[in-house]
């Protein structure tokens, strides 16, 4: 619960500076014109158990991007009773992101569609904030809900589970011609 409060506080604190700087950079919106490669650890409780690698690019429409991500998870130990997940799985995810005020640098909402290595599907939604620093580095913090499944939340009787993420990455832009 403390992690969620810290994440929400971070959103509120950083959103003021993001809103003030909305017109500084005009990012390209076409597919492949703006690219962000992001990485963050896959956690089970307080333990790092894998890695998430994401690629985000423009969708060709103002305020919308597409993020493709892959996750490798090494699994939990038998005595883990928090965030139990199936041992050693891979997940591929597609997430359209709809930015509110400024493209790529600000608050976004979006659905997510996942498929696991055994063919199981997953649906959910996220809300987050992405910051681009010096037109080169990106930080993406989000919170989401996903429909429960037997891979990412074993023994969870709830129909949904909450997930949080903070990813760091590099931004690449195509050259203007």
C-alpha atoms as a PDB file:
ATOM      1  CA  UNK A   1       0.000   0.000   0.000  1.00  0.00           C
ATOM      2  CA  UNK A   2       2.894   2.330   0.779  1.00  0.00           C
ATOM      3  CA  UNK A   3       4.262   1.824  -2.740  1.00  0.00           C
ATOM      4  CA  UNK A   4       0.958   3.022  -4.233  1.00  0.00           C
ATOM      5  CA  UNK A   5       0.953   6.150  -2.055  1.00  0.00           C
ATOM      6  CA  UNK A   6       4.542   6.929  -3.062  1.00  0.00           C
ATOM      7  CA  UNK A   7       3.680   6.421  -6.750  1.00  0.00           C
ATOM      8  CA  UNK A   8       0.616   8.687  -6.547  1.00  0.00           C
ATOM      9  CA  UNK A   9       2.623  11.351  -4.685  1.00  0.00           C
ATOM     10  CA  UNK A  10       5.307  11.162  -7.370  1.00  0.00           C
ATOM     11  CA  UNK A  11       2.653  11.649 -10.094  1.00  0.00           C
ATOM     12  CA  UNK A  12       1.220  14.708  -8.354  1.00  0.00           C
ATOM     13  CA  UNK A  13       4.598  16.272  -7.630  1.00  0.00           C
ATOM     14  CA  UNK A  14       6.001  15.797 -11.113  1.00  0.00           C
ATOM     15  CA  UNK A  15       2.802  16.626 -12.997  1.00  0.00           C
ATOM     16  CA  UNK A  16       3.118  20.330 -12.121  1.00  0.00           C
ATOM     17  CA  UNK A  17       6.489  20.639 -13.875  1.00  0.00           C
ATOM     18  CA  UNK A  18       5.261  18.583 -16.843  1.00  0.00           C
ATOM     19  CA  UNK A  19       2.207  20.778 -17.393  1.00  0.00           C
ATOM     20  CA  UNK A  20       4.334  23.971 -17.307  1.00  0.00           C
ATOM     21  CA  UNK A  21       6.672  22.610 -20.000  1.00  0.00           C
ATOM     22  CA  UNK A  22       4.069  21.387 -22.466  1.00  0.00           C
ATOM     23  CA  UNK A  23       5.109  23.434 -25.511  1.00  0.00           C
ATOM     24  CA  UNK A  24       8.892  23.052 -25.371  1.00  0.00           C
ATOM     25  CA  UNK A  25       9.342  20.136 -27.789  1.00  0.00           C
ATOM     26  CA  UNK A  26       7.330  19.100 -30.834  1.00  0.00           C
ATOM     27  CA  UNK A  27       7.852  15.337 -31.096  1.00  0.00           C
ATOM     28  CA  UNK A  28       7.243  13.551 -34.426  1.00  0.00           C
ATOM     29  CA  UNK A  29       4.083  11.428 -34.380  1.00  0.00           C
ATOM     30  CA  UNK A  30       4.534   8.969 -37.253  1.00  0.00           C
ATOM     31  CA  UNK A  31       5.195   5.266 -36.872  1.00  0.00           C
ATOM     32  CA  UNK A  32       8.923   4.775 -36.325  1.00  0.00           C
ATOM     33  CA  UNK A  33       9.655   8.511 -36.135  1.00  0.00           C
ATOM     34  CA  UNK A  34       9.797   8.520 -32.338  1.00  0.00           C
ATOM     35  CA  UNK A  35      11.156   5.461 -30.537  1.00  0.00           C
ATOM     36  CA  UNK A  36      11.682   4.749 -26.867  1.00  0.00           C
ATOM     37  CA  UNK A  37      13.391   1.626 -25.547  1.00  0.00           C
ATOM     38  CA  UNK A  38      12.572   1.066 -21.846  1.00  0.00           C
ATOM     39  CA  UNK A  39      13.624  -1.484 -19.233  1.00  0.00           C
ATOM     40  CA  UNK A  40      12.507  -2.269 -15.699  1.00  0.00           C
ATOM     41  CA  UNK A  41      12.777  -5.204 -13.301  1.00  0.00           C
ATOM     42  CA  UNK A  42      10.007  -7.807 -12.936  1.00  0.00           C
ATOM     43  CA  UNK A  43       9.295  -8.069  -9.230  1.00  0.00           C
ATOM     44  CA  UNK A  44       7.788 -10.647  -6.896  1.00  0.00           C
ATOM     45  CA  UNK A  45       7.230  -8.837  -3.629  1.00  0.00           C
ATOM     46  CA  UNK A  46      10.542  -7.071  -2.951  1.00  0.00           C
ATOM     47  CA  UNK A  47      12.628  -9.499  -5.015  1.00  0.00           C
ATOM     48  CA  UNK A  48      13.798  -9.001  -8.597  1.00  0.00           C
ATOM     49  CA  UNK A  49      12.723 -12.120 -10.502  1.00  0.00           C
ATOM     50  CA  UNK A  50      12.992 -11.081 -14.142  1.00  0.00           C
ATOM     51  CA  UNK A  51      13.028  -8.241 -16.622  1.00  0.00           C
ATOM     52  CA  UNK A  52      10.575  -6.201 -18.724  1.00  0.00           C
ATOM     53  CA  UNK A  53      11.759  -4.738 -22.023  1.00  0.00           C
ATOM     54  CA  UNK A  54       9.483  -2.288 -23.885  1.00  0.00           C
ATOM     55  CA  UNK A  55       9.502  -0.428 -27.212  1.00  0.00           C
ATOM     56  CA  UNK A  56       7.207   2.575 -27.704  1.00  0.00           C
ATOM     57  CA  UNK A  57       6.636   4.362 -31.008  1.00  0.00           C
ATOM     58  CA  UNK A  58       4.190   6.819 -32.540  1.00  0.00           C
ATOM     59  CA  UNK A  59       0.939   5.420 -33.868  1.00  0.00           C
ATOM     60  CA  UNK A  60       0.591   7.966 -36.666  1.00  0.00           C
ATOM     61  CA  UNK A  61      -2.178   9.834 -34.829  1.00  0.00           C
ATOM     62  CA  UNK A  62      -1.777  12.858 -32.540  1.00  0.00           C
ATOM     63  CA  UNK A  63      -1.636  12.004 -28.826  1.00  0.00           C
ATOM     64  CA  UNK A  64      -1.445   8.195 -29.423  1.00  0.00           C
ATOM     65  CA  UNK A  65       1.498   5.789 -29.221  1.00  0.00           C
ATOM     66  CA  UNK A  66       1.893   2.018 -29.289  1.00  0.00           C
ATOM     67  CA  UNK A  67       3.989   0.162 -26.761  1.00  0.00           C
ATOM     68  CA  UNK A  68       5.156  -3.417 -27.308  1.00  0.00           C
ATOM     69  CA  UNK A  69       6.744  -5.184 -24.371  1.00  0.00           C
ATOM     70  CA  UNK A  70       8.138  -8.550 -23.418  1.00  0.00           C
ATOM     71  CA  UNK A  71       8.634  -9.887 -19.939  1.00  0.00           C
ATOM     72  CA  UNK A  72      10.696 -12.814 -18.760  1.00  0.00           C
ATOM     73  CA  UNK A  73       9.914 -13.994 -15.232  1.00  0.00           C
ATOM     74  CA  UNK A  74      12.049 -16.580 -13.423  1.00  0.00           C
ATOM     75  CA  UNK A  75       9.385 -17.562 -10.921  1.00  0.00           C
ATOM     76  CA  UNK A  76       8.704 -17.404  -7.232  1.00  0.00           C
ATOM     77  CA  UNK A  77      10.082 -19.591  -4.483  1.00  0.00           C
ATOM     78  CA  UNK A  78       7.728 -22.000  -2.676  1.00  0.00           C
ATOM     79  CA  UNK A  79       7.642 -19.846   0.473  1.00  0.00           C
ATOM     80  CA  UNK A  80       6.675 -16.621  -1.337  1.00  0.00           C
ATOM     81  CA  UNK A  81       3.136 -15.752  -0.287  1.00  0.00           C
ATOM     82  CA  UNK A  82       2.968 -12.304  -1.921  1.00  0.00           C
ATOM     83  CA  UNK A  83       2.421 -11.869  -5.661  1.00  0.00           C
ATOM     84  CA  UNK A  84       2.791 -15.577  -6.388  1.00  0.00           C
ATOM     85  CA  UNK A  85       3.305 -16.213 -10.074  1.00  0.00           C
ATOM     86  CA  UNK A  86       3.859 -19.269 -12.212  1.00  0.00           C
ATOM     87  CA  UNK A  87       7.483 -20.300 -12.352  1.00  0.00           C
ATOM     88  CA  UNK A  88       9.383 -19.212 -15.459  1.00  0.00           C
ATOM     89  CA  UNK A  89       7.008 -17.600 -17.902  1.00  0.00           C
ATOM     90  CA  UNK A  90       7.221 -15.150 -20.775  1.00  0.00           C
ATOM     91  CA  UNK A  91       4.619 -12.497 -21.602  1.00  0.00           C
ATOM     92  CA  UNK A  92       4.162 -10.323 -24.712  1.00  0.00           C
ATOM     93  CA  UNK A  93       2.023  -7.204 -24.358  1.00  0.00           C
ATOM     94  CA  UNK A  94       0.606  -4.532 -26.689  1.00  0.00           C
ATOM     95  CA  UNK A  95      -0.571  -1.274 -25.190  1.00  0.00           C
ATOM     96  CA  UNK A  96      -1.981   1.736 -27.063  1.00  0.00           C
ATOM     97  CA  UNK A  97      -1.357   4.885 -24.999  1.00  0.00           C
ATOM     98  CA  UNK A  98      -3.623   7.927 -25.213  1.00  0.00           C
ATOM     99  CA  UNK A  99      -1.827  11.055 -23.985  1.00  0.00           C
ATOM    100  CA  UNK A 100      -3.903  13.933 -22.655  1.00  0.00           C
ATOM    101  CA  UNK A 101      -2.166  17.285 -22.982  1.00  0.00           C
ATOM    102  CA  UNK A 102       1.178  16.653 -24.684  1.00  0.00           C
ATOM    103  CA  UNK A 103       2.237  13.789 -26.894  1.00  0.00           C
ATOM    104  CA  UNK A 104       4.710  11.347 -25.291  1.00  0.00           C
ATOM    105  CA  UNK A 105       5.517  13.599 -22.328  1.00  0.00           C
ATOM    106  CA  UNK A 106       2.728  13.610 -19.775  1.00  0.00           C
ATOM    107  CA  UNK A 107      -0.258  11.716 -18.440  1.00  0.00           C
ATOM    108  CA  UNK A 108      -1.682   8.798 -20.427  1.00  0.00           C
ATOM    109  CA  UNK A 109      -4.398   6.138 -20.258  1.00  0.00           C
ATOM    110  CA  UNK A 110      -4.659   2.961 -22.236  1.00  0.00           C
ATOM    111  CA  UNK A 111      -5.870  -0.600 -22.523  1.00  0.00           C
ATOM    112  CA  UNK A 112      -3.430  -3.495 -22.526  1.00  0.00           C
ATOM    113  CA  UNK A 113      -3.569  -6.821 -24.294  1.00  0.00           C
ATOM    114  CA  UNK A 114      -1.269  -9.634 -23.166  1.00  0.00           C
ATOM    115  CA  UNK A 115      -0.477 -13.152 -24.290  1.00  0.00           C
ATOM    116  CA  UNK A 116       1.599 -15.600 -22.271  1.00  0.00           C
ATOM    117  CA  UNK A 117       3.911 -18.353 -23.482  1.00  0.00           C
ATOM    118  CA  UNK A 118       1.238 -21.018 -22.896  1.00  0.00           C
ATOM    119  CA  UNK A 119      -1.355 -19.155 -25.025  1.00  0.00           C
ATOM    120  CA  UNK A 120      -3.290 -17.632 -22.122  1.00  0.00           C
ATOM    121  CA  UNK A 121      -4.571 -14.127 -22.867  1.00  0.00           C
ATOM    122  CA  UNK A 122      -4.881 -11.148 -20.572  1.00  0.00           C
ATOM    123  CA  UNK A 123      -6.766  -7.842 -20.613  1.00  0.00           C
ATOM    124  CA  UNK A 124      -6.346  -4.745 -18.509  1.00  0.00           C
ATOM    125  CA  UNK A 125      -5.844  -0.992 -18.418  1.00  0.00           C
ATOM    126  CA  UNK A 126      -3.171   1.398 -17.181  1.00  0.00           C
ATOM    127  CA  UNK A 127      -2.865   5.027 -16.177  1.00  0.00           C
ATOM    128  CA  UNK A 128       0.531   6.616 -16.000  1.00  0.00           C
ATOM    129  CA  UNK A 129       2.854   9.496 -16.548  1.00  0.00           C
ATOM    130  CA  UNK A 130       5.868   9.566 -18.799  1.00  0.00           C
ATOM    131  CA  UNK A 131       8.624  12.161 -18.564  1.00  0.00           C
ATOM    132  CA  UNK A 132      11.131  12.893 -21.294  1.00  0.00           C
ATOM    133  CA  UNK A 133      14.285  14.495 -19.959  1.00  0.00           C
ATOM    134  CA  UNK A 134      16.602  16.489 -22.242  1.00  0.00           C
ATOM    135  CA  UNK A 135      14.900  14.925 -25.327  1.00  0.00           C
ATOM    136  CA  UNK A 136      16.955  11.785 -24.691  1.00  0.00           C
ATOM    137  CA  UNK A 137      15.873   9.925 -21.545  1.00  0.00           C
ATOM    138  CA  UNK A 138      12.446   8.676 -20.521  1.00  0.00           C
ATOM    139  CA  UNK A 139      10.892   7.675 -17.219  1.00  0.00           C
ATOM    140  CA  UNK A 140       7.505   5.922 -17.329  1.00  0.00           C
ATOM    141  CA  UNK A 141       5.591   5.356 -14.072  1.00  0.00           C
ATOM    142  CA  UNK A 142       2.186   3.679 -14.176  1.00  0.00           C
ATOM    143  CA  UNK A 143      -0.413   1.778 -12.237  1.00  0.00           C
ATOM    144  CA  UNK A 144      -2.774  -0.672 -13.845  1.00  0.00           C
ATOM    145  CA  UNK A 145      -5.417  -3.302 -13.338  1.00  0.00           C
ATOM    146  CA  UNK A 146      -5.467  -6.617 -15.115  1.00  0.00           C
ATOM    147  CA  UNK A 147      -7.952  -9.490 -15.167  1.00  0.00           C
ATOM    148  CA  UNK A 148      -6.844 -12.308 -12.883  1.00  0.00           C
ATOM    149  CA  UNK A 149      -5.260 -15.405 -14.361  1.00  0.00           C
ATOM    150  CA  UNK A 150      -3.383 -18.480 -13.162  1.00  0.00           C
ATOM    151  CA  UNK A 151      -0.023 -17.188 -14.354  1.00  0.00           C
ATOM    152  CA  UNK A 152       0.514 -13.812 -12.704  1.00  0.00           C
ATOM    153  CA  UNK A 153      -1.564 -14.209  -9.564  1.00  0.00           C
ATOM    154  CA  UNK A 154      -1.956 -17.791  -8.413  1.00  0.00           C
ATOM    155  CA  UNK A 155      -4.462 -18.307  -5.568  1.00  0.00           C
ATOM    156  CA  UNK A 156      -5.926 -14.807  -5.920  1.00  0.00           C
ATOM    157  CA  UNK A 157      -9.716 -14.963  -5.476  1.00  0.00           C
ATOM    158  CA  UNK A 158     -10.214 -11.389  -6.763  1.00  0.00           C
ATOM    159  CA  UNK A 159     -11.299 -10.920 -10.408  1.00  0.00           C
ATOM    160  CA  UNK A 160      -8.549  -8.320 -10.977  1.00  0.00           C
ATOM    161  CA  UNK A 161      -5.094  -7.534  -9.653  1.00  0.00           C
ATOM    162  CA  UNK A 162      -3.176  -4.260  -9.425  1.00  0.00           C
ATOM    163  CA  UNK A 163       0.268  -3.824 -10.897  1.00  0.00           C
ATOM    164  CA  UNK A 164       2.723  -0.930 -10.762  1.00  0.00           C
ATOM    165  CA  UNK A 165       5.767  -0.166 -12.847  1.00  0.00           C
ATOM    166  CA  UNK A 166       8.558   2.376 -13.146  1.00  0.00           C
ATOM    167  CA  UNK A 167      10.635   2.003 -16.313  1.00  0.00           C
ATOM    168  CA  UNK A 168      13.636   3.950 -17.577  1.00  0.00           C
ATOM    169  CA  UNK A 169      14.683   4.300 -21.171  1.00  0.00           C
ATOM    170  CA  UNK A 170      16.283   6.078 -24.093  1.00  0.00           C
ATOM    171  CA  UNK A 171      14.480   8.141 -26.733  1.00  0.00           C
ATOM    172  CA  UNK A 172      15.416   7.991 -30.423  1.00  0.00           C
ATOM    173  CA  UNK A 173      13.927  10.347 -33.030  1.00  0.00           C
ATOM    174  CA  UNK A 174      14.214  10.180 -36.791  1.00  0.00           C
ATOM    175  CA  UNK A 175      15.959  13.091 -38.446  1.00  0.00           C
ATOM    176  CA  UNK A 176      13.803  15.803 -40.030  1.00  0.00           C
ATOM    177  CA  UNK A 177      14.267  15.952 -43.804  1.00  0.00           C
END
